[in-house]
Amino acid sequence: MSERRKHTPSRPSWRCPVCGILWPCSAAKLRLLAEYREDRPGLLTHLAKVQKAATADLTTLHPGVALPDLTPRFVGWAATR
């Protein structure tokens, strides 16, 4: 029996190893919303920490390249729901 692959970020690229798109993908967002259903501040805090880690990884992965604002990608989607 094979284990289902999770929609967790592949570091340092911060892409979903299942979907291949930028993480958090739709499946990851749904899982996070369910996991933090009763704790929106906790979700936003978690996403801010994840964004900080992603910024560090992506800066190391692409030295000298200015990163776009990652806030909409990591935190913005959860703050508006």
PDB file of N, CA and C in Angstrom:
ATOM      1  N   MET A   1       0.844  -1.175   0.000  1.00  0.00           N
ATOM      2  CA  MET A   1       0.000   0.000   0.000  1.00  0.00           C
ATOM      3  C   MET A   1       0.894   1.244   0.000  1.00  0.00           C
ATOM      4  N   SER A   2       0.676   2.148  -0.930  1.00  0.00           N
ATOM      5  CA  SER A   2       1.518   3.341  -1.009  1.00  0.00           C
ATOM      6  C   SER A   2       0.907   4.464  -0.171  1.00  0.00           C
ATOM      7  N   GLU A   3       1.775   5.210   0.457  1.00  0.00           N
ATOM      8  CA  GLU A   3       1.332   6.332   1.265  1.00  0.00           C
ATOM      9  C   GLU A   3       0.933   7.475   0.346  1.00  0.00           C
ATOM     10  N   ARG A   4      -0.167   8.144   0.669  1.00  0.00           N
ATOM     11  CA  ARG A   4      -0.588   9.292  -0.126  1.00  0.00           C
ATOM     12  C   ARG A   4       0.421  10.419   0.044  1.00  0.00           C
ATOM     13  N   ARG A   5       0.766  11.023  -1.047  1.00  0.00           N
ATOM     14  CA  ARG A   5       1.713  12.138  -0.984  1.00  0.00           C
ATOM     15  C   ARG A   5       1.008  13.375  -0.450  1.00  0.00           C
ATOM     16  N   LYS A   6       1.711  14.096   0.367  1.00  0.00           N
ATOM     17  CA  LYS A   6       1.142  15.286   0.988  1.00  0.00           C
ATOM     18  C   LYS A   6       1.504  16.536   0.211  1.00  0.00           C
ATOM     19  N   HIS A   7       0.612  17.481   0.278  1.00  0.00           N
ATOM     20  CA  HIS A   7       0.817  18.781  -0.363  1.00  0.00           C
ATOM     21  C   HIS A   7       1.566  19.690   0.611  1.00  0.00           C
ATOM     22  N   THR A   8       2.809  19.326   0.887  1.00  0.00           N
ATOM     23  CA  THR A   8       3.672  20.112   1.759  1.00  0.00           C
ATOM     24  C   THR A   8       4.767  20.726   0.903  1.00  0.00           C
ATOM     25  N   PRO A   9       5.351  21.830   1.350  1.00  0.00           N
ATOM     26  CA  PRO A   9       6.340  22.498   0.504  1.00  0.00           C
ATOM     27  C   PRO A   9       7.614  21.683   0.333  1.00  0.00           C
ATOM     28  N   SER A  10       8.115  21.720  -0.866  1.00  0.00           N
ATOM     29  CA  SER A  10       9.425  21.138  -1.160  1.00  0.00           C
ATOM     30  C   SER A  10      10.433  22.273  -1.063  1.00  0.00           C
ATOM     31  N   ARG A  11      11.329  22.152  -0.111  1.00  0.00           N
ATOM     32  CA  ARG A  11      12.299  23.217   0.102  1.00  0.00           C
ATOM     33  C   ARG A  11      13.595  22.890  -0.617  1.00  0.00           C
ATOM     34  N   PRO A  12      14.269  23.845  -1.180  1.00  0.00           N
ATOM     35  CA  PRO A  12      14.129  25.278  -0.996  1.00  0.00           C
ATOM     36  C   PRO A  12      13.280  25.968  -2.065  1.00  0.00           C
ATOM     37  N   SER A  13      12.671  25.223  -2.976  1.00  0.00           N
ATOM     38  CA  SER A  13      11.924  25.859  -4.070  1.00  0.00           C
ATOM     39  C   SER A  13      10.544  26.357  -3.650  1.00  0.00           C
ATOM     40  N   TRP A  14      10.011  25.817  -2.580  1.00  0.00           N
ATOM     41  CA  TRP A  14       8.678  26.155  -2.105  1.00  0.00           C
ATOM     42  C   TRP A  14       7.614  25.905  -3.159  1.00  0.00           C
ATOM     43  N   ARG A  15       7.739  24.740  -3.786  1.00  0.00           N
ATOM     44  CA  ARG A  15       6.721  24.239  -4.715  1.00  0.00           C
ATOM     45  C   ARG A  15       6.103  23.001  -4.092  1.00  0.00           C
ATOM     46  N   CYS A  16       4.890  22.705  -4.485  1.00  0.00           N
ATOM     47  CA  CYS A  16       4.221  21.505  -4.000  1.00  0.00           C
ATOM     48  C   CYS A  16       4.759  20.305  -4.779  1.00  0.00           C
ATOM     49  N   PRO A  17       5.229  19.269  -4.089  1.00  0.00           N
ATOM     50  CA  PRO A  17       5.777  18.113  -4.797  1.00  0.00           C
ATOM     51  C   PRO A  17       4.697  17.286  -5.494  1.00  0.00           C
ATOM     52  N   VAL A  18       3.449  17.478  -5.118  1.00  0.00           N
ATOM     53  CA  VAL A  18       2.348  16.735  -5.743  1.00  0.00           C
ATOM     54  C   VAL A  18       1.837  17.489  -6.964  1.00  0.00           C
ATOM     55  N   CYS A  19       1.538  18.770  -6.791  1.00  0.00           N
ATOM     56  CA  CYS A  19       0.967  19.595  -7.869  1.00  0.00           C
ATOM     57  C   CYS A  19       2.035  20.196  -8.789  1.00  0.00           C
ATOM     58  N   GLY A  20       3.190  20.495  -8.206  1.00  0.00           N
ATOM     59  CA  GLY A  20       4.238  21.158  -8.963  1.00  0.00           C
ATOM     60  C   GLY A  20       4.085  22.664  -9.030  1.00  0.00           C
ATOM     61  N   ILE A  21       3.054  23.193  -8.377  1.00  0.00           N
ATOM     62  CA  ILE A  21       2.845  24.639  -8.408  1.00  0.00           C
ATOM     63  C   ILE A  21       3.390  25.276  -7.133  1.00  0.00           C
ATOM     64  N   LEU A  22       3.403  26.598  -7.125  1.00  0.00           N
ATOM     65  CA  LEU A  22       3.879  27.314  -5.954  1.00  0.00           C
ATOM     66  C   LEU A  22       3.062  26.929  -4.726  1.00  0.00           C
ATOM     67  N   TRP A  23       3.768  26.719  -3.623  1.00  0.00           N
ATOM     68  CA  TRP A  23       3.106  26.361  -2.375  1.00  0.00           C
ATOM     69  C   TRP A  23       2.824  27.627  -1.587  1.00  0.00           C
ATOM     70  N   PRO A  24       1.679  27.758  -0.954  1.00  0.00           N
ATOM     71  CA  PRO A  24       0.666  26.748  -0.725  1.00  0.00           C
ATOM     72  C   PRO A  24      -0.275  26.600  -1.915  1.00  0.00           C
ATOM     73  N   CYS A  25      -0.424  25.379  -2.353  1.00  0.00           N
ATOM     74  CA  CYS A  25      -1.355  25.061  -3.434  1.00  0.00           C
ATOM     75  C   CYS A  25      -2.771  25.022  -2.856  1.00  0.00           C
ATOM     76  N   SER A  26      -3.762  24.835  -3.706  1.00  0.00           N
ATOM     77  CA  SER A  26      -5.156  24.810  -3.245  1.00  0.00           C
ATOM     78  C   SER A  26      -5.396  23.722  -2.207  1.00  0.00           C
ATOM     79  N   ALA A  27      -4.831  22.548  -2.430  1.00  0.00           N
ATOM     80  CA  ALA A  27      -5.015  21.446  -1.477  1.00  0.00           C
ATOM     81  C   ALA A  27      -4.393  21.785  -0.122  1.00  0.00           C
ATOM     82  N   ALA A  28      -3.230  22.422  -0.126  1.00  0.00           N
ATOM     83  CA  ALA A  28      -2.579  22.813   1.128  1.00  0.00           C
ATOM     84  C   ALA A  28      -3.400  23.879   1.843  1.00  0.00           C
ATOM     85  N   LYS A  29      -3.948  24.818   1.089  1.00  0.00           N
ATOM     86  CA  LYS A  29      -4.779  25.860   1.699  1.00  0.00           C
ATOM     87  C   LYS A  29      -6.005  25.254   2.368  1.00  0.00           C
ATOM     88  N   LEU A  30      -6.654  24.330   1.693  1.00  0.00           N
ATOM     89  CA  LEU A  30      -7.824  23.678   2.279  1.00  0.00           C
ATOM     90  C   LEU A  30      -7.460  22.913   3.543  1.00  0.00           C
ATOM     91  N   ARG A  31      -6.332  22.204   3.510  1.00  0.00           N
ATOM     92  CA  ARG A  31      -5.891  21.465   4.698  1.00  0.00           C
ATOM     93  C   ARG A  31      -5.592  22.409   5.849  1.00  0.00           C
ATOM     94  N   LEU A  32      -4.902  23.516   5.565  1.00  0.00           N
ATOM     95  CA  LEU A  32      -4.573  24.477   6.609  1.00  0.00           C
ATOM     96  C   LEU A  32      -5.825  25.137   7.181  1.00  0.00           C
ATOM     97  N   LEU A  33      -6.781  25.474   6.330  1.00  0.00           N
ATOM     98  CA  LEU A  33      -8.028  26.063   6.816  1.00  0.00           C
ATOM     99  C   LEU A  33      -8.768  25.095   7.736  1.00  0.00           C
ATOM    100  N   ALA A  34      -8.763  23.826   7.376  1.00  0.00           N
ATOM    101  CA  ALA A  34      -9.421  22.820   8.220  1.00  0.00           C
ATOM    102  C   ALA A  34      -8.661  22.633   9.530  1.00  0.00           C
ATOM    103  N   GLU A  35      -7.346  22.575   9.436  1.00  0.00           N
ATOM    104  CA  GLU A  35      -6.513  22.353  10.617  1.00  0.00           C
ATOM    105  C   GLU A  35      -6.634  23.492  11.625  1.00  0.00           C
ATOM    106  N   TYR A  36      -6.743  24.714  11.131  1.00  0.00           N
ATOM    107  CA  TYR A  36      -6.830  25.897  11.993  1.00  0.00           C
ATOM    108  C   TYR A  36      -8.242  26.486  12.009  1.00  0.00           C
ATOM    109  N   ARG A  37      -9.231  25.665  11.781  1.00  0.00           N
ATOM    110  CA  ARG A  37     -10.633  26.112  11.674  1.00  0.00           C
ATOM    111  C   ARG A  37     -11.046  27.010  12.849  1.00  0.00           C
ATOM    112  N   GLU A  38     -10.629  26.661  14.034  1.00  0.00           N
ATOM    113  CA  GLU A  38     -11.018  27.400  15.236  1.00  0.00           C
ATOM    114  C   GLU A  38      -9.948  28.381  15.711  1.00  0.00           C
ATOM    115  N   ASP A  39      -8.909  28.590  14.919  1.00  0.00           N
ATOM    116  CA  ASP A  39      -7.787  29.415  15.365  1.00  0.00           C
ATOM    117  C   ASP A  39      -7.195  30.215  14.213  1.00  0.00           C
ATOM    118  N   ARG A  40      -7.955  31.197  13.716  1.00  0.00           N
ATOM    119  CA  ARG A  40      -7.467  32.020  12.598  1.00  0.00           C
ATOM    120  C   ARG A  40      -6.181  32.767  12.972  1.00  0.00           C
ATOM    121  N   PRO A  41      -6.078  33.352  14.178  1.00  0.00           N
ATOM    122  CA  PRO A  41      -4.808  34.002  14.528  1.00  0.00           C
ATOM    123  C   PRO A  41      -3.634  33.016  14.504  1.00  0.00           C
ATOM    124  N   GLY A  42      -3.860  31.797  14.938  1.00  0.00           N
ATOM    125  CA  GLY A  42      -2.811  30.778  14.902  1.00  0.00           C
ATOM    126  C   GLY A  42      -2.400  30.455  13.479  1.00  0.00           C
ATOM    127  N   LEU A  43      -3.384  30.383  12.573  1.00  0.00           N
ATOM    128  CA  LEU A  43      -3.084  30.129  11.161  1.00  0.00           C
ATOM    129  C   LEU A  43      -2.234  31.251  10.588  1.00  0.00           C
ATOM    130  N   LEU A  44      -2.611  32.485  10.862  1.00  0.00           N
ATOM    131  CA  LEU A  44      -1.873  33.627  10.325  1.00  0.00           C
ATOM    132  C   LEU A  44      -0.456  33.683  10.901  1.00  0.00           C
ATOM    133  N   THR A  45      -0.312  33.346  12.175  1.00  0.00           N
ATOM    134  CA  THR A  45       1.015  33.302  12.788  1.00  0.00           C
ATOM    135  C   THR A  45       1.863  32.215  12.138  1.00  0.00           C
ATOM    136  N   HIS A  46       1.270  31.035  11.949  1.00  0.00           N
ATOM    137  CA  HIS A  46       1.983  29.932  11.296  1.00  0.00           C
ATOM    138  C   HIS A  46       2.421  30.331   9.884  1.00  0.00           C
ATOM    139  N   LEU A  47       1.511  30.937   9.133  1.00  0.00           N
ATOM    140  CA  LEU A  47       1.830  31.322   7.752  1.00  0.00           C
ATOM    141  C   LEU A  47       2.910  32.407   7.700  1.00  0.00           C
ATOM    142  N   ALA A  48       2.909  33.308   8.666  1.00  0.00           N
ATOM    143  CA  ALA A  48       3.957  34.342   8.711  1.00  0.00           C
ATOM    144  C   ALA A  48       5.326  33.704   8.963  1.00  0.00           C
ATOM    145  N   LYS A  49       5.378  32.696   9.834  1.00  0.00           N
ATOM    146  CA  LYS A  49       6.633  31.988  10.081  1.00  0.00           C
ATOM    147  C   LYS A  49       7.082  31.226   8.836  1.00  0.00           C
ATOM    148  N   VAL A  50       6.134  30.605   8.156  1.00  0.00           N
ATOM    149  CA  VAL A  50       6.452  29.871   6.929  1.00  0.00           C
ATOM    150  C   VAL A  50       6.961  30.840   5.858  1.00  0.00           C
ATOM    151  N   GLN A  51       6.335  32.004   5.762  1.00  0.00           N
ATOM    152  CA  GLN A  51       6.774  33.007   4.788  1.00  0.00           C
ATOM    153  C   GLN A  51       8.203  33.439   5.078  1.00  0.00           C
ATOM    154  N   LYS A  52       8.540  33.605   6.338  1.00  0.00           N
ATOM    155  CA  LYS A  52       9.910  33.998   6.707  1.00  0.00           C
ATOM    156  C   LYS A  52      10.907  32.929   6.265  1.00  0.00           C
ATOM    157  N   ALA A  53      10.565  31.659   6.482  1.00  0.00           N
ATOM    158  CA  ALA A  53      11.446  30.562   6.057  1.00  0.00           C
ATOM    159  C   ALA A  53      11.565  30.519   4.537  1.00  0.00           C
ATOM    160  N   ALA A  54      10.451  30.729   3.849  1.00  0.00           N
ATOM    161  CA  ALA A  54      10.462  30.723   2.384  1.00  0.00           C
ATOM    162  C   ALA A  54      11.317  31.864   1.844  1.00  0.00           C
ATOM    163  N   THR A  55      11.208  33.024   2.457  1.00  0.00           N
ATOM    164  CA  THR A  55      12.007  34.169   2.028  1.00  0.00           C
ATOM    165  C   THR A  55      13.498  33.855   2.157  1.00  0.00           C
ATOM    166  N   ALA A  56      13.869  33.248   3.266  1.00  0.00           N
ATOM    167  CA  ALA A  56      15.284  32.891   3.466  1.00  0.00           C
ATOM    168  C   ALA A  56      15.731  31.865   2.429  1.00  0.00           C
ATOM    169  N   ASP A  57      14.933  30.824   2.218  1.00  0.00           N
ATOM    170  CA  ASP A  57      15.293  29.791   1.239  1.00  0.00           C
ATOM    171  C   ASP A  57      15.391  30.357  -0.168  1.00  0.00           C
ATOM    172  N   LEU A  58      14.398  31.135  -0.564  1.00  0.00           N
ATOM    173  CA  LEU A  58      14.362  31.650  -1.931  1.00  0.00           C
ATOM    174  C   LEU A  58      15.469  32.674  -2.178  1.00  0.00           C
ATOM    175  N   THR A  59      15.807  33.438  -1.148  1.00  0.00           N
ATOM    176  CA  THR A  59      16.918  34.393  -1.270  1.00  0.00           C
ATOM    177  C   THR A  59      18.236  33.654  -1.470  1.00  0.00           C
ATOM    178  N   THR A  60      18.416  32.553  -0.750  1.00  0.00           N
ATOM    179  CA  THR A  60      19.622  31.739  -0.906  1.00  0.00           C
ATOM    180  C   THR A  60      19.637  31.034  -2.257  1.00  0.00           C
ATOM    181  N   LEU A  61      18.477  30.566  -2.690  1.00  0.00           N
ATOM    182  CA  LEU A  61      18.366  29.849  -3.955  1.00  0.00           C
ATOM    183  C   LEU A  61      18.606  30.765  -5.155  1.00  0.00           C
ATOM    184  N   HIS A  62      18.184  32.027  -5.026  1.00  0.00           N
ATOM    185  CA  HIS A  62      18.306  32.991  -6.119  1.00  0.00           C
ATOM    186  C   HIS A  62      19.038  34.243  -5.634  1.00  0.00           C
ATOM    187  N   PRO A  63      20.340  34.136  -5.336  1.00  0.00           N
ATOM    188  CA  PRO A  63      21.061  35.306  -4.824  1.00  0.00           C
ATOM    189  C   PRO A  63      21.092  36.439  -5.841  1.00  0.00           C
ATOM    190  N   GLY A  64      20.918  37.640  -5.329  1.00  0.00           N
ATOM    191  CA  GLY A  64      20.973  38.817  -6.188  1.00  0.00           C
ATOM    192  C   GLY A  64      19.686  39.114  -6.935  1.00  0.00           C
ATOM    193  N   VAL A  65      18.675  38.270  -6.769  1.00  0.00           N
ATOM    194  CA  VAL A  65      17.389  38.491  -7.437  1.00  0.00           C
ATOM    195  C   VAL A  65      16.404  39.025  -6.407  1.00  0.00           C
ATOM    196  N   ALA A  66      15.769  40.131  -6.724  1.00  0.00           N
ATOM    197  CA  ALA A  66      14.773  40.704  -5.814  1.00  0.00           C
ATOM    198  C   ALA A  66      13.525  39.834  -5.833  1.00  0.00           C
ATOM    199  N   LEU A  67      13.115  39.406  -4.670  1.00  0.00           N
ATOM    200  CA  LEU A  67      11.902  38.589  -4.571  1.00  0.00           C
ATOM    201  C   LEU A  67      10.669  39.478  -4.631  1.00  0.00           C
ATOM    202  N   PRO A  68       9.586  38.970  -5.205  1.00  0.00           N
ATOM    203  CA  PRO A  68       8.336  39.720  -5.132  1.00  0.00           C
ATOM    204  C   PRO A  68       7.821  39.674  -3.693  1.00  0.00           C
ATOM    205  N   ASP A  69       6.841  40.493  -3.388  1.00  0.00           N
ATOM    206  CA  ASP A  69       6.217  40.462  -2.069  1.00  0.00           C
ATOM    207  C   ASP A  69       5.528  39.107  -1.901  1.00  0.00           C
ATOM    208  N   LEU A  70       5.958  38.327  -0.941  1.00  0.00           N
ATOM    209  CA  LEU A  70       5.408  36.993  -0.732  1.00  0.00           C
ATOM    210  C   LEU A  70       4.186  36.985   0.182  1.00  0.00           C
ATOM    211  N   THR A  71       3.822  38.139   0.718  1.00  0.00           N
ATOM    212  CA  THR A  71       2.700  38.200   1.656  1.00  0.00           C
ATOM    213  C   THR A  71       1.389  37.715   1.049  1.00  0.00           C
ATOM    214  N   PRO A  72       0.999  38.131  -0.155  1.00  0.00           N
ATOM    215  CA  PRO A  72      -0.262  37.615  -0.711  1.00  0.00           C
ATOM    216  C   PRO A  72      -0.250  36.083  -0.870  1.00  0.00           C
ATOM    217  N   ARG A  73       0.880  35.558  -1.250  1.00  0.00           N
ATOM    218  CA  ARG A  73       0.998  34.116  -1.469  1.00  0.00           C
ATOM    219  C   ARG A  73       0.898  33.330  -0.168  1.00  0.00           C
ATOM    220  N   PHE A  74       1.540  33.791   0.883  1.00  0.00           N
ATOM    221  CA  PHE A  74       1.612  33.021   2.110  1.00  0.00           C
ATOM    222  C   PHE A  74       0.575  33.416   3.157  1.00  0.00           C
ATOM    223  N   VAL A  75       0.284  34.694   3.300  1.00  0.00           N
ATOM    224  CA  VAL A  75      -0.598  35.131   4.369  1.00  0.00           C
ATOM    225  C   VAL A  75      -1.890  35.755   3.851  1.00  0.00           C
ATOM    226  N   GLY A  76      -1.801  36.483   2.766  1.00  0.00           N
ATOM    227  CA  GLY A  76      -2.941  37.248   2.268  1.00  0.00           C
ATOM    228  C   GLY A  76      -4.185  36.427   2.011  1.00  0.00           C
ATOM    229  N   TRP A  77      -4.049  35.248   1.446  1.00  0.00           N
ATOM    230  CA  TRP A  77      -5.214  34.414   1.123  1.00  0.00           C
ATOM    231  C   TRP A  77      -5.978  34.021   2.389  1.00  0.00           C
ATOM    232  N   ALA A  78      -5.286  33.835   3.502  1.00  0.00           N
ATOM    233  CA  ALA A  78      -5.935  33.389   4.739  1.00  0.00           C
ATOM    234  C   ALA A  78      -6.527  34.558   5.509  1.00  0.00           C
ATOM    235  N   ALA A  79      -5.962  35.735   5.357  1.00  0.00           N
ATOM    236  CA  ALA A  79      -6.434  36.891   6.088  1.00  0.00           C
ATOM    237  C   ALA A  79      -7.774  37.388   5.548  1.00  0.00           C
ATOM    238  N   THR A  80      -8.054  37.098   4.298  1.00  0.00           N
ATOM    239  CA  THR A  80      -9.260  37.634   3.657  1.00  0.00           C
ATOM    240  C   THR A  80     -10.456  36.702   3.733  1.00  0.00           C
ATOM    241  N   ARG A  81     -10.303  35.532   4.329  1.00  0.00           N
ATOM    242  CA  ARG A  81     -11.424  34.583   4.377  1.00  0.00           C
ATOM    243  C   ARG A  81     -12.245  34.757   5.619  1.00  0.00           C
TER     244      ARG A  81
END
